[in-house]
Structures are given as structure tokens and as C-alpha cells.
Protein backbone atom coordinates (compact mmCIF):
# COMPACT_ATOMS: atom_id res chain seq x y z
CA MET A 1 0.00 0.00 0.00
CA THR A 2 1.19 3.50 -0.78
CA VAL A 3 1.69 5.59 2.36
CA THR A 4 -1.04 8.10 3.20
CA ALA A 5 1.26 11.12 2.84
CA ASP A 6 2.08 10.13 -0.76
CA LEU A 7 -1.58 9.37 -1.49
CA TYR A 8 -2.57 12.81 -0.27
CA ASP A 9 0.21 14.44 -2.32
CA GLU A 10 -1.08 12.64 -5.40
CA HIS A 11 -4.83 13.06 -4.91
CA GLY A 12 -5.17 16.14 -2.69
CA GLU A 13 -8.70 17.24 -1.89
CA ALA A 14 -10.19 14.13 -3.52
CA LEU A 15 -9.29 12.55 -0.17
CA ALA A 16 -10.52 13.69 3.23
CA SER A 17 -7.95 13.56 6.04
CA LEU A 18 -9.25 12.57 9.47
CA PRO A 19 -8.02 15.17 11.99
CA VAL A 20 -8.79 12.95 15.01
CA GLN A 21 -5.63 11.48 16.51
CA LEU A 22 -6.03 7.70 16.79
CA ARG A 23 -3.59 5.20 18.25
CA ASP A 24 -2.42 2.07 16.41
CA PHE A 25 -3.23 -1.18 18.21
CA GLY A 26 -3.37 -3.95 15.61
CA GLY A 27 -0.53 -6.08 14.33
CA VAL A 28 -0.92 -4.40 10.93
CA ARG A 29 -0.05 -0.70 10.81
CA ALA A 30 -0.94 0.11 7.19
CA PHE A 31 -4.25 -1.09 5.80
CA SER A 32 -6.94 -0.07 3.34
CA GLY A 33 -10.17 -1.27 1.87
CA PRO A 34 -13.81 -0.45 1.24
CA VAL A 35 -15.64 1.15 4.15
CA ARG A 36 -18.31 -0.65 6.18
CA THR A 37 -19.79 1.37 9.02
CA VAL A 38 -21.38 0.96 12.43
CA ARG A 39 -22.73 3.78 14.58
CA CYS A 40 -23.22 2.72 18.19
CA HIS A 41 -22.79 4.10 21.68
CA GLU A 42 -21.17 1.91 24.33
CA ASP A 43 -22.76 -1.20 22.73
CA ASN A 44 -20.73 -3.56 20.54
CA ALA A 45 -23.34 -6.17 19.55
CA LEU A 46 -23.54 -4.86 15.97
CA ILE A 47 -19.74 -4.82 15.68
CA LYS A 48 -19.56 -8.41 16.89
CA ALA A 49 -22.26 -9.52 14.44
CA LEU A 50 -20.67 -7.74 11.48
CA THR A 51 -17.15 -9.08 12.11
CA GLN A 52 -18.59 -12.60 12.05
CA THR A 53 -19.58 -12.11 8.39
CA PRO A 54 -17.23 -12.18 5.37
CA GLY A 55 -15.18 -8.97 5.43
CA GLU A 56 -13.71 -9.40 1.94
CA GLY A 57 -10.90 -6.95 2.76
CA ALA A 58 -13.18 -4.23 4.11
CA VAL A 59 -12.36 -1.78 6.89
CA LEU A 60 -14.92 -1.39 9.65
CA VAL A 61 -15.35 2.27 10.63
CA VAL A 62 -17.07 2.56 13.99
CA ASP A 63 -18.56 5.81 15.22
CA GLY A 64 -18.67 5.19 18.95
CA GLY A 65 -19.26 8.86 19.67
CA GLY A 66 -15.74 9.19 21.02
CA SER A 67 -16.71 7.47 24.26
CA LEU A 68 -13.87 6.00 26.29
CA ARG A 69 -16.23 4.66 29.01
CA THR A 70 -16.46 1.15 27.51
CA ALA A 71 -14.53 -0.90 24.95
CA LEU A 72 -16.18 -1.50 21.58
CA MET A 73 -13.69 -4.16 20.45
CA GLY A 74 -11.78 -6.83 22.33
CA ASP A 75 -9.61 -9.75 21.32
CA LEU A 76 -12.51 -12.08 20.47
CA ILE A 77 -14.16 -9.61 18.08
CA ALA A 78 -10.78 -8.73 16.55
CA ALA A 79 -9.97 -12.44 16.09
CA ALA A 80 -13.33 -12.96 14.37
CA ALA A 81 -12.50 -10.07 12.03
CA VAL A 82 -9.19 -11.74 11.11
CA GLU A 83 -10.88 -15.12 10.56
CA ASN A 84 -13.47 -13.54 8.30
CA GLY A 85 -11.12 -11.53 6.11
CA TRP A 86 -11.49 -7.97 7.40
CA ALA A 87 -8.54 -5.66 6.69
CA GLY A 88 -9.00 -3.52 9.77
CA ALA A 89 -11.09 -1.37 12.06
CA ILE A 90 -11.07 2.35 12.76
CA ILE A 91 -12.85 2.97 16.05
CA TYR A 92 -13.89 6.38 17.33
CA GLY A 93 -13.97 4.97 20.83
CA ALA A 94 -12.06 2.51 23.00
CA ILE A 95 -10.86 -1.07 22.69
CA ARG A 96 -9.64 -3.60 25.26
CA ASP A 97 -7.27 -6.58 25.14
CA SER A 98 -4.78 -4.32 23.39
CA VAL A 99 -1.80 -6.65 23.82
CA ALA A 100 -3.68 -9.58 22.25
CA ILE A 101 -4.98 -7.37 19.43
CA GLY A 102 -1.40 -6.26 18.77
CA GLY A 103 -0.56 -9.87 17.95
CA LEU A 104 -3.28 -10.21 15.30
CA GLN A 105 -2.89 -9.61 11.57
CA LEU A 106 -5.47 -6.83 11.63
CA GLY A 107 -5.22 -3.07 11.39
CA VAL A 108 -6.86 -1.46 14.44
CA LYS A 109 -6.93 2.24 15.20
CA ALA A 110 -8.84 3.62 18.18
CA LEU A 111 -8.84 6.55 20.59
CA GLY A 112 -7.61 4.48 23.52
CA THR A 113 -8.33 1.58 25.83
CA ASN A 114 -10.67 0.67 28.66
CA PRO A 115 -11.02 -2.82 30.20
CA ARG A 116 -14.75 -2.26 30.80
CA LYS A 117 -16.94 -4.21 28.39
CA SER A 118 -19.82 -2.59 26.57
CA ALA A 119 -23.53 -3.28 26.48
CA LYS A 120 -24.84 -6.00 24.16
CA ALA A 121 -28.32 -4.67 23.31
CA GLY A 122 -27.65 -4.27 19.60
CA THR A 123 -28.53 -0.59 19.42
CA GLY A 124 -27.14 1.44 16.55
CA VAL A 125 -27.04 1.33 12.75
CA VAL A 126 -24.96 -0.51 10.13
CA ASP A 127 -23.80 0.70 6.71
CA GLU A 128 -25.05 4.27 6.90
CA PRO A 129 -22.68 7.22 6.42
CA VAL A 130 -20.97 8.25 9.65
CA GLU A 131 -19.20 11.51 10.42
CA ILE A 132 -16.13 11.54 12.62
CA GLY A 133 -14.11 14.70 13.17
CA GLY A 134 -15.90 16.43 10.31
CA VAL A 135 -15.04 13.64 7.86
CA VAL A 136 -17.82 11.55 6.33
CA PHE A 137 -17.20 7.83 5.86
CA ARG A 138 -19.60 6.37 3.28
CA PRO A 139 -20.04 2.61 2.90
CA GLY A 140 -18.12 1.46 -0.17
CA ALA A 141 -15.67 4.39 -0.25
CA THR A 142 -12.02 3.40 0.02
CA VAL A 143 -10.25 4.23 3.27
CA TYR A 144 -6.48 4.24 3.76
CA ALA A 145 -4.79 4.10 7.16
CA ASP A 146 -1.19 4.00 8.35
CA GLU A 147 1.03 5.45 11.07
CA ASP A 148 0.44 8.98 9.73
CA GLY A 149 -3.35 8.89 9.84
CA VAL A 150 -6.52 8.09 7.94
CA LEU A 151 -7.67 9.19 4.49
CA VAL A 152 -10.99 8.41 2.83
CA GLU A 153 -12.37 9.09 -0.64
CA ARG A 154 -14.76 12.02 -0.68
């Protein structure tokens, strides 16, 4: 994959650059793929269900509202994503089991960590556009992520 800085130099404003500072947690630092989205608040049931379906190289973009009160992804959900062919996850929220996730062949970016697990009610929406930090992530658009940040097709 071409690094995000070079992609931005080549494509400029055709790509939106996420200004939110996310930390790298997965065993893969540079990843890209078509966007799939989940919007949820402190409830990871939809994330768990989606990562148990064929990912086909997609990147799951989760709008968790920026909450750090509960983790939206742990090692079991991340392992399911690997098993089902997901390229990565970009989570506007927290994860847990960060050491285990670091050993998986999955790109994972998130705001931070919290060992507290989330609710499992299944509230939220899947595959609708989500806005994080003023950047809109539309299902099917290509997203690129590496150590320098996140870019998505406008």
C-alpha cells in the first residue's frame, strides 16, 4: 500500500484527512479497503455480528461517539475479524485486550483503551454514512490508514 502522505500528495482534496488522533493497536499498521460502518454508543453487539460475516478486505469504521467509558472491540471480536477476512477497524472509541490485538494480523486504530466491556443490546445502525471529526465515511468508499493517519475518498 502506498503511504497516506504520498496518497494525499497525489490526490489532494479528492481525499478527506481525518483530523482525530487515533492510536495504532493492531498487528498491521498500514491497511486499506472499502468502508463498512457501524454507529453505536457503548454497545458492541452490531460490531460483533458484522465481524462474524465475510469482510472481503473491508475496513470497519465505527462511530462510537468518542466514548472511552467502555470498549467496543476486544480480542474475540478482533480475532473474528481476522478469521473472516477484514482488513481492519477504525474505532472512534475505545478497545480492550490491546496486547492480544497487537498480535493479530489486523489493522486497528482507536482513541484508547478501557477494560470495561460494553452493552450487548444491539442498538445502533450498520452501513449508513458516519461523520467523525468532520469527515464523512460512506459505505463502499475506500479508506487508507497508516502510522500517519486516515484518508478516505470524498
